[in-house]
Amino acid sequence: MLKNVICPVMLVLTSISCARAEPLYIPSSTYSLYPPTGSRTVSDVMNRYSPFVEPRLKRYFDNVGLTYPPQNIALFAMKQEQSVELWAKEKGKWSYVKHYDIQKMSGHMGPKMREGDKQVPEGVYQVSLLNPNSRYHLSMKLNYPNAFDRKYAQLEGRTAPGSNIFIHGKESSIGCLAMGDYAIEELFLLAERTGINNIEVLISPHDPRKGKLLAANTQPYWTKILYRDIEQHARKFNR
């Protein structure tokens, strides 16, 4: 299986779904050997940001009595709350670590249906790769469309359900989750240390711990199945 090392040139563009490009954010000029956009590797990012980002990460985990780096993490995103919770699994138990505010996202409640609908997907996903050359500072690509998305797109004859969905930096996005540069630096390094195969991303229309997920009458029948799956996965995130 290919490890999360990306051809830098191929992923200069984070996504056609993620709208306008913005100037690259460089928080410090002390790293003069940091390669330009288009030639960076994940190792370059780790070498640049690890000295001041990882102490923060370790402190977050120390504060809740967890080991850093963790063996498994989950990112629980809630659209209505515009929030992403970070959870970590240790000794078979999931523990809350902290939350991040979503700086920008587009669309409305409900699953993504097709390319260009500006919707953030809803469902259970994984991080499929890390992009150190994103126009949105840094980014993590999700495996949308997953098996569930592909199944119902095929049944309904939707040949272009969309693709290129990322969690990324900056505060501008269409179809992705824009977390801001400070947050994406932490999430990117944490993902690399944890291993992308050990990350679950759950995206929900709202916090199902506060109320049942209800599909609108205008949404397809399978939305009820999707929301039941999301509720089931969210049960382990008890606070």
Protein backbone atom coordinates (compact mmCIF):
# COMPACT_ATOMS: atom_id res chain seq x y z
CA MET A 1 0.00 0.00 0.00
CA LEU A 2 1.28 3.43 -0.88
CA LYS A 3 2.39 5.44 2.12
CA ASN A 4 1.24 9.02 2.49
CA VAL A 5 4.05 10.50 0.42
CA ILE A 6 2.64 12.58 -2.39
CA CYS A 7 3.96 13.63 -5.72
CA PRO A 8 4.39 17.32 -4.91
CA VAL A 9 3.64 18.58 -8.39
CA MET A 10 0.38 16.66 -8.77
CA LEU A 11 -1.15 18.09 -5.60
CA VAL A 12 -0.24 21.75 -5.86
CA LEU A 13 -3.95 22.35 -6.39
CA THR A 14 -5.79 21.13 -3.34
CA SER A 15 -9.06 20.74 -5.16
CA ILE A 16 -11.20 22.22 -7.86
CA SER A 17 -13.95 21.96 -5.25
CA CYS A 18 -12.05 24.18 -2.84
CA ALA A 19 -12.49 27.42 -4.75
CA ARG A 20 -10.15 30.38 -4.74
CA ALA A 21 -6.43 30.23 -4.09
CA GLU A 22 -4.91 32.41 -1.39
CA PRO A 23 -1.32 33.44 -0.63
CA LEU A 24 0.66 30.82 1.24
CA TYR A 25 0.90 31.51 4.95
CA ILE A 26 4.47 31.40 6.31
CA PRO A 27 4.45 31.91 10.09
CA SER A 28 8.19 32.33 10.48
CA SER A 29 11.11 33.37 8.30
CA THR A 30 13.64 31.44 10.34
CA TYR A 31 13.40 28.33 8.16
CA SER A 32 15.15 29.61 5.04
CA LEU A 33 15.58 26.12 3.62
CA TYR A 34 11.82 25.43 3.51
CA PRO A 35 11.13 24.48 -0.14
CA PRO A 36 8.67 26.50 -2.23
CA THR A 37 5.12 25.33 -2.92
CA GLY A 38 5.12 22.50 -5.40
CA SER A 39 8.29 20.82 -4.19
CA ARG A 40 7.54 20.16 -0.53
CA THR A 41 7.27 16.75 1.03
CA VAL A 42 5.48 15.69 4.19
CA SER A 43 8.92 15.43 5.81
CA ASP A 44 9.62 19.07 4.90
CA VAL A 45 6.43 20.11 6.69
CA MET A 46 7.27 18.01 9.72
CA ASN A 47 10.77 19.45 9.95
CA ARG A 48 9.49 23.00 9.70
CA TYR A 49 6.53 22.92 12.08
CA SER A 50 7.32 20.13 14.53
CA PRO A 51 9.54 22.24 16.86
CA PHE A 52 6.69 24.55 17.85
CA VAL A 53 3.50 22.62 16.94
CA GLU A 54 4.23 19.28 18.58
CA PRO A 55 4.83 20.75 22.06
CA ARG A 56 1.28 22.12 21.82
CA LEU A 57 -0.06 18.74 20.74
CA LYS A 58 1.76 16.94 23.52
CA ARG A 59 0.36 19.42 26.04
CA TYR A 60 -3.22 18.79 24.82
CA PHE A 61 -2.77 15.05 25.32
CA ASP A 62 -0.99 15.45 28.65
CA ASN A 63 -3.89 17.57 29.90
CA VAL A 64 -6.32 14.69 29.43
CA GLY A 65 -3.93 11.96 30.55
CA LEU A 66 -3.29 10.44 27.12
CA THR A 67 -0.15 9.28 25.39
CA TYR A 68 1.27 11.29 22.50
CA PRO A 69 1.37 10.38 19.70
CA PRO A 70 -1.87 8.39 19.95
CA GLN A 71 -2.57 5.07 18.28
CA ASN A 72 -5.94 6.14 16.88
CA ILE A 73 -7.75 9.44 16.55
CA ALA A 74 -11.15 10.59 15.32
CA LEU A 75 -12.26 13.95 14.00
CA PHE A 76 -15.95 14.50 14.70
CA ALA A 77 -17.22 17.36 12.51
CA MET A 78 -20.63 18.94 13.08
CA LYS A 79 -21.91 21.30 10.42
CA GLN A 80 -24.53 23.22 12.38
CA GLU A 81 -22.16 23.80 15.29
CA GLN A 82 -19.27 24.56 12.88
CA SER A 83 -17.06 22.52 15.15
CA VAL A 84 -14.61 19.63 14.90
CA GLU A 85 -13.89 17.58 18.01
CA LEU A 86 -10.62 15.70 18.36
CA TRP A 87 -10.87 12.32 20.07
CA ALA A 88 -8.18 9.72 20.77
CA LYS A 89 -8.42 6.03 21.55
CA GLU A 90 -6.24 4.51 24.24
CA LYS A 91 -6.64 1.09 25.89
CA GLY A 92 -9.91 0.55 24.06
CA LYS A 93 -11.49 3.81 25.28
CA TRP A 94 -12.21 6.98 23.33
CA SER A 95 -11.36 10.23 25.12
CA TYR A 96 -12.09 13.83 24.17
CA VAL A 97 -8.98 15.93 23.58
CA LYS A 98 -10.12 19.33 22.28
CA HIS A 99 -12.26 21.09 19.70
CA TYR A 100 -11.52 23.26 16.69
CA ASP A 101 -13.79 25.83 15.10
CA ILE A 102 -14.57 25.40 11.42
CA GLN A 103 -13.63 28.75 9.88
CA LYS A 104 -15.55 28.30 6.65
CA MET A 105 -17.73 25.76 4.89
CA SER A 106 -20.37 25.96 2.18
CA GLY A 107 -23.71 24.37 1.49
CA HIS A 108 -26.39 23.35 3.96
CA MET A 109 -27.46 20.40 6.05
CA GLY A 110 -27.63 17.19 4.03
CA PRO A 111 -25.30 14.87 2.13
CA LYS A 112 -23.27 15.73 -0.94
CA MET A 113 -24.98 14.54 -4.10
CA ARG A 114 -22.94 15.65 -7.11
CA GLU A 115 -19.88 17.53 -8.30
CA GLY A 116 -20.33 21.28 -7.99
CA ASP A 117 -23.23 21.28 -5.50
CA LYS A 118 -20.97 23.02 -2.93
CA GLN A 119 -21.99 20.51 -0.27
CA VAL A 120 -19.71 19.19 2.45
CA PRO A 121 -20.28 15.42 2.56
CA GLU A 122 -21.88 13.68 5.51
CA GLY A 123 -20.82 10.23 6.64
CA VAL A 124 -17.92 8.18 7.94
CA TYR A 125 -14.63 8.79 6.16
CA GLN A 126 -10.91 8.27 6.40
CA VAL A 127 -7.94 10.46 5.56
CA SER A 128 -6.54 9.12 2.29
CA LEU A 129 -3.46 11.35 1.95
CA LEU A 130 -1.65 14.41 3.27
CA ASN A 131 -0.94 17.29 0.89
CA PRO A 132 2.06 19.46 1.83
CA ASN A 133 1.64 21.63 -1.30
CA SER A 134 -1.90 22.85 -0.80
CA ARG A 135 -2.99 26.32 -1.90
CA TYR A 136 -4.78 26.32 1.43
CA HIS A 137 -1.53 26.05 3.42
CA LEU A 138 -1.79 22.32 4.28
CA SER A 139 -4.53 19.81 3.63
CA MET A 140 -5.77 16.31 4.31
CA LYS A 141 -7.79 14.56 1.64
CA LEU A 142 -10.83 12.46 2.59
CA ASN A 143 -11.85 9.24 0.85
CA TYR A 144 -15.07 10.76 -0.50
CA PRO A 145 -16.92 9.18 -2.22
CA ASN A 146 -16.72 6.18 0.07
CA ALA A 147 -18.43 2.84 -0.53
CA PHE A 148 -21.78 4.12 0.78
CA ASP A 149 -21.66 7.21 -1.44
CA ARG A 150 -20.72 5.19 -4.52
CA LYS A 151 -23.43 2.59 -3.91
CA TYR A 152 -26.31 5.04 -3.85
CA ALA A 153 -24.88 7.22 -6.60
CA GLN A 154 -24.82 4.15 -8.84
CA LEU A 155 -28.35 3.12 -7.87
CA GLU A 156 -29.62 6.61 -8.73
CA GLY A 157 -27.57 6.97 -11.89
CA ARG A 158 -25.46 9.82 -10.53
CA THR A 159 -22.22 9.41 -12.46
CA ALA A 160 -20.43 12.41 -10.91
CA PRO A 161 -20.98 12.38 -7.13
CA GLY A 162 -17.97 14.68 -6.66
CA SER A 163 -14.45 14.21 -5.35
CA ASN A 164 -11.46 16.09 -3.93
CA ILE A 165 -12.86 16.83 -0.48
CA PHE A 166 -10.26 18.13 1.96
CA ILE A 167 -9.80 19.38 5.49
CA HIS A 168 -7.47 22.33 4.97
CA GLY A 169 -6.16 25.65 6.21
CA LYS A 170 -7.17 29.21 5.35
CA GLU A 171 -10.68 30.57 5.85
CA SER A 172 -12.13 30.08 2.38
CA SER A 173 -13.61 26.95 0.86
CA ILE A 174 -16.34 25.46 -1.27
CA GLY A 175 -17.22 21.88 -0.40
CA CYS A 176 -14.38 21.35 2.09
CA LEU A 177 -13.75 22.13 5.76
CA ALA A 178 -11.53 25.21 6.14
CA MET A 179 -9.97 25.10 9.60
CA GLY A 180 -7.53 28.02 9.47
CA ASP A 181 -3.75 27.70 9.31
CA TYR A 182 -3.09 27.35 13.05
CA ALA A 183 -5.47 24.39 13.34
CA ILE A 184 -4.42 22.61 10.15
CA GLU A 185 -0.77 22.69 11.22
CA GLU A 186 -1.75 20.77 14.35
CA LEU A 187 -4.07 18.36 12.54
CA PHE A 188 -1.60 17.70 9.71
CA LEU A 189 1.27 16.88 12.09
CA LEU A 190 -1.02 14.82 14.30
CA ALA A 191 -2.25 12.86 11.29
CA GLU A 192 1.30 12.11 10.19
CA ARG A 193 2.37 11.01 13.67
CA THR A 194 -0.74 8.86 14.15
CA GLY A 195 -0.79 7.40 10.64
CA ILE A 196 -3.57 8.14 8.17
CA ASN A 197 -4.82 4.55 8.36
CA ASN A 198 -5.61 5.14 12.04
CA ILE A 199 -7.88 8.17 11.58
CA GLU A 200 -11.67 8.24 11.41
CA VAL A 201 -13.51 11.35 10.20
CA LEU A 202 -17.19 11.56 11.08
CA ILE A 203 -19.16 14.41 9.47
CA SER A 204 -22.67 15.01 10.80
CA PRO A 205 -25.32 17.64 9.98
CA HIS A 206 -25.47 18.51 13.70
CA ASP A 207 -24.49 17.05 17.04
CA PRO A 208 -26.51 13.80 17.29
CA ARG A 209 -25.88 13.71 21.05
CA LYS A 210 -28.23 16.68 21.37
CA GLY A 211 -31.02 15.42 19.17
CA LYS A 212 -31.88 12.74 16.64
CA LEU A 213 -30.70 13.23 13.06
CA LEU A 214 -33.81 13.67 10.93
CA ALA A 215 -33.81 13.57 7.16
CA ALA A 216 -35.89 16.18 5.37
CA ASN A 217 -38.72 15.01 3.13
CA THR A 218 -36.86 16.45 0.15
CA GLN A 219 -33.80 14.30 0.81
CA PRO A 220 -33.37 10.82 -0.72
CA TYR A 221 -34.64 7.78 1.19
CA TRP A 222 -31.14 6.55 1.96
CA THR A 223 -30.41 9.67 4.04
CA LYS A 224 -32.23 7.95 6.92
CA ILE A 225 -29.83 5.00 6.61
CA LEU A 226 -26.87 7.37 6.50
CA TYR A 227 -28.00 9.27 9.58
CA ARG A 228 -28.53 6.04 11.49
CA ASP A 229 -24.94 5.06 10.69
CA ILE A 230 -23.65 8.46 11.81
CA GLU A 231 -25.58 8.22 15.08
CA GLN A 232 -24.17 4.76 15.70
CA HIS A 233 -20.59 5.91 15.16
CA ALA A 234 -21.13 9.01 17.32
CA ARG A 235 -22.18 6.97 20.36
CA LYS A 236 -18.57 6.40 21.31
CA PHE A 237 -18.01 10.14 21.64
CA ASN A 238 -19.57 10.64 25.06
CA ARG A 239 -18.75 13.79 26.99
